Amino acid sequence: MAARVAIVLGLSVACLAACATGPGAEVAQRAQTELVGMPKDRLLSCAGVPERQAMAEGREYYTYIARPAYAASPMSSIGVGAGSGGFGSGVGLGLGFSVPVGGGTSGCEATVVLGRGGAVEQVSYPAGVSLSACAPIVQNCVQPR
């Protein structure tokens, strides 16, 4: 019995770890090298118009934001319960929240630096961000594998 519990627990941890990184993390990581050298017009066609733009020292800085695809949202619920065997019954009211499945609740903000020639020089993400959350920003720009 203990061996079965250990196996199920181990598989659960492995599944959760896979969901935390997922295939999107690999896409976001590859974008940091594959996008270097990409012309500005091609970047705009695959990643879209950035949320913010800035110019400094002859370079353009494009900021793209991937917002979470879901958020916890309150919803009302009513529960009715009755005990068996005459032990009692009850009516209850509650407040429920949606539970996100398959990822974290944080988004991502990516900065793309374009050099003087108008080509991508760098793609960066904030430290500690889940790269899976960044994948929607660059997924249309990297080569499929």
Protein backbone atom coordinates (compact mmCIF):
# COMPACT_ATOMS: atom_id res chain seq x y z
CA MET A 1 0.00 0.00 0.00
CA ALA A 2 2.77 2.44 0.94
CA ALA A 3 4.55 1.68 -2.34
CA ARG A 4 1.43 2.58 -4.34
CA VAL A 5 1.05 5.86 -2.46
CA ALA A 6 4.71 6.68 -3.10
CA ILE A 7 4.36 5.92 -6.83
CA VAL A 8 1.20 8.02 -7.18
CA LEU A 9 2.79 10.87 -5.23
CA GLY A 10 5.94 10.71 -7.37
CA LEU A 11 3.95 10.77 -10.61
CA SER A 12 1.89 13.70 -9.35
CA VAL A 13 5.02 15.71 -8.58
CA ALA A 14 6.45 14.91 -12.03
CA CYS A 15 3.23 16.03 -13.72
CA LEU A 16 3.16 19.29 -11.78
CA ALA A 17 6.79 19.99 -12.65
CA ALA A 18 6.05 19.41 -16.34
CA CYS A 19 3.10 21.80 -16.21
CA ALA A 20 5.20 24.49 -14.54
CA THR A 21 7.77 24.56 -17.34
CA GLY A 22 5.98 22.90 -20.25
CA PRO A 23 6.82 23.08 -23.94
CA GLY A 24 6.31 26.86 -23.94
CA ALA A 25 9.43 27.35 -21.84
CA GLU A 26 11.53 25.77 -24.57
CA VAL A 27 9.94 28.03 -27.23
CA ALA A 28 10.64 31.17 -25.18
CA GLN A 29 14.22 30.08 -24.55
CA ARG A 30 14.88 29.35 -28.24
CA ALA A 31 13.49 32.76 -29.18
CA GLN A 32 16.37 34.41 -27.33
CA THR A 33 18.76 33.10 -29.98
CA GLU A 34 16.52 32.50 -33.02
CA LEU A 35 15.18 36.07 -33.12
CA VAL A 36 18.65 37.68 -33.08
CA GLY A 37 19.21 39.17 -36.53
CA MET A 38 15.51 39.18 -37.44
CA PRO A 39 14.52 42.35 -39.34
CA LYS A 40 12.12 44.76 -37.65
CA ASP A 41 9.31 44.29 -40.19
CA ARG A 42 9.42 40.51 -39.75
CA LEU A 43 9.36 40.87 -35.94
CA LEU A 44 6.30 43.11 -36.17
CA SER A 45 4.55 40.66 -38.46
CA CYS A 46 5.08 37.65 -36.18
CA ALA A 47 4.97 39.23 -32.69
CA GLY A 48 2.62 42.11 -33.46
CA VAL A 49 2.70 45.70 -32.29
CA PRO A 50 4.44 46.10 -28.92
CA GLU A 51 2.68 47.49 -25.86
CA ARG A 52 5.43 50.11 -25.42
CA GLN A 53 8.27 51.47 -27.52
CA ALA A 54 11.29 53.55 -26.57
CA MET A 55 14.43 54.87 -28.26
CA ALA A 56 17.80 55.30 -26.55
CA GLU A 57 21.31 55.59 -27.94
CA GLY A 58 20.21 54.63 -31.45
CA ARG A 59 18.42 51.47 -30.32
CA GLU A 60 14.72 50.71 -30.23
CA TYR A 61 13.22 48.90 -27.24
CA TYR A 62 9.96 47.05 -27.77
CA THR A 63 8.04 45.74 -24.78
CA TYR A 64 5.56 42.93 -25.29
CA ILE A 65 3.23 41.75 -22.54
CA ALA A 66 1.55 38.37 -22.23
CA ARG A 67 -1.24 38.62 -19.72
CA PRO A 68 -2.55 35.54 -17.91
CA ALA A 69 -5.17 33.68 -19.89
CA TYR A 70 -7.25 33.32 -16.76
CA ALA A 71 -7.69 34.84 -13.34
CA ALA A 72 -9.48 33.82 -10.23
CA SER A 73 -12.99 35.22 -10.40
CA PRO A 74 -15.58 35.14 -7.68
CA MET A 75 -18.85 33.38 -8.31
CA SER A 76 -21.78 32.71 -6.05
CA SER A 77 -22.90 29.22 -5.23
CA ILE A 78 -25.60 27.62 -3.14
CA GLY A 79 -25.23 24.26 -1.52
CA VAL A 80 -27.94 22.15 0.03
CA GLY A 81 -27.15 19.16 2.18
CA ALA A 82 -29.19 16.59 4.03
CA GLY A 83 -28.00 14.01 6.49
CA SER A 84 -28.99 10.38 6.17
CA GLY A 85 -30.79 8.43 8.84
CA GLY A 86 -32.45 11.46 10.40
CA PHE A 87 -29.23 12.92 11.76
CA GLY A 88 -29.92 16.36 10.36
CA SER A 89 -30.09 18.56 7.34
CA GLY A 90 -28.76 21.94 6.43
CA VAL A 91 -28.65 24.69 3.87
CA GLY A 92 -25.52 26.66 3.19
CA LEU A 93 -24.35 29.56 1.07
CA GLY A 94 -20.80 29.93 -0.14
CA LEU A 95 -18.42 31.93 -2.28
CA GLY A 96 -16.44 29.97 -4.86
CA PHE A 97 -13.38 30.85 -6.92
CA SER A 98 -12.32 29.45 -10.26
CA VAL A 99 -9.16 27.41 -10.07
CA PRO A 100 -6.66 27.81 -12.92
CA VAL A 101 -5.37 24.55 -14.34
CA GLY A 102 -2.18 24.02 -16.33
CA GLY A 103 -0.01 26.96 -15.41
CA GLY A 104 0.70 29.87 -13.14
CA THR A 105 -1.27 33.02 -12.77
CA SER A 106 1.52 35.41 -13.70
CA GLY A 107 2.06 36.86 -17.12
CA CYS A 108 5.28 37.88 -18.81
CA GLU A 109 6.87 41.06 -20.10
CA ALA A 110 9.49 40.60 -22.82
CA THR A 111 11.84 43.31 -24.08
CA VAL A 112 13.19 43.12 -27.62
CA VAL A 113 16.14 45.36 -28.47
CA LEU A 114 16.57 46.45 -32.09
CA GLY A 115 19.98 47.73 -33.13
CA ARG A 116 20.86 50.67 -35.36
CA GLY A 117 20.33 48.55 -38.48
CA GLY A 118 16.78 47.68 -37.43
CA ALA A 119 17.47 44.02 -36.60
CA VAL A 120 16.85 42.24 -33.31
CA GLU A 121 19.90 42.27 -31.04
CA GLN A 122 18.42 40.82 -27.86
CA VAL A 123 15.28 39.25 -26.38
CA SER A 124 15.05 39.34 -22.60
CA TYR A 125 12.58 38.35 -19.92
CA PRO A 126 12.40 39.42 -16.26
CA ALA A 127 14.45 37.37 -13.82
CA GLY A 128 12.49 34.58 -12.20
CA VAL A 129 9.57 34.67 -14.63
CA SER A 130 8.10 31.40 -15.86
CA LEU A 131 9.30 31.08 -19.45
CA SER A 132 6.08 29.24 -20.27
CA ALA A 133 4.24 32.50 -19.56
CA CYS A 134 6.48 34.25 -22.13
CA ALA A 135 5.90 31.77 -24.96
CA PRO A 136 2.73 33.44 -26.33
CA ILE A 137 4.78 36.56 -27.11
CA VAL A 138 7.31 34.81 -29.36
CA GLN A 139 5.68 31.53 -30.42
CA ASN A 140 4.78 32.83 -33.90
CA CYS A 141 8.38 33.96 -34.46
CA VAL A 142 10.31 30.76 -33.80
CA GLN A 143 10.69 27.78 -36.09
CA PRO A 144 8.49 24.81 -35.16
CA ARG A 145 10.29 21.64 -34.05
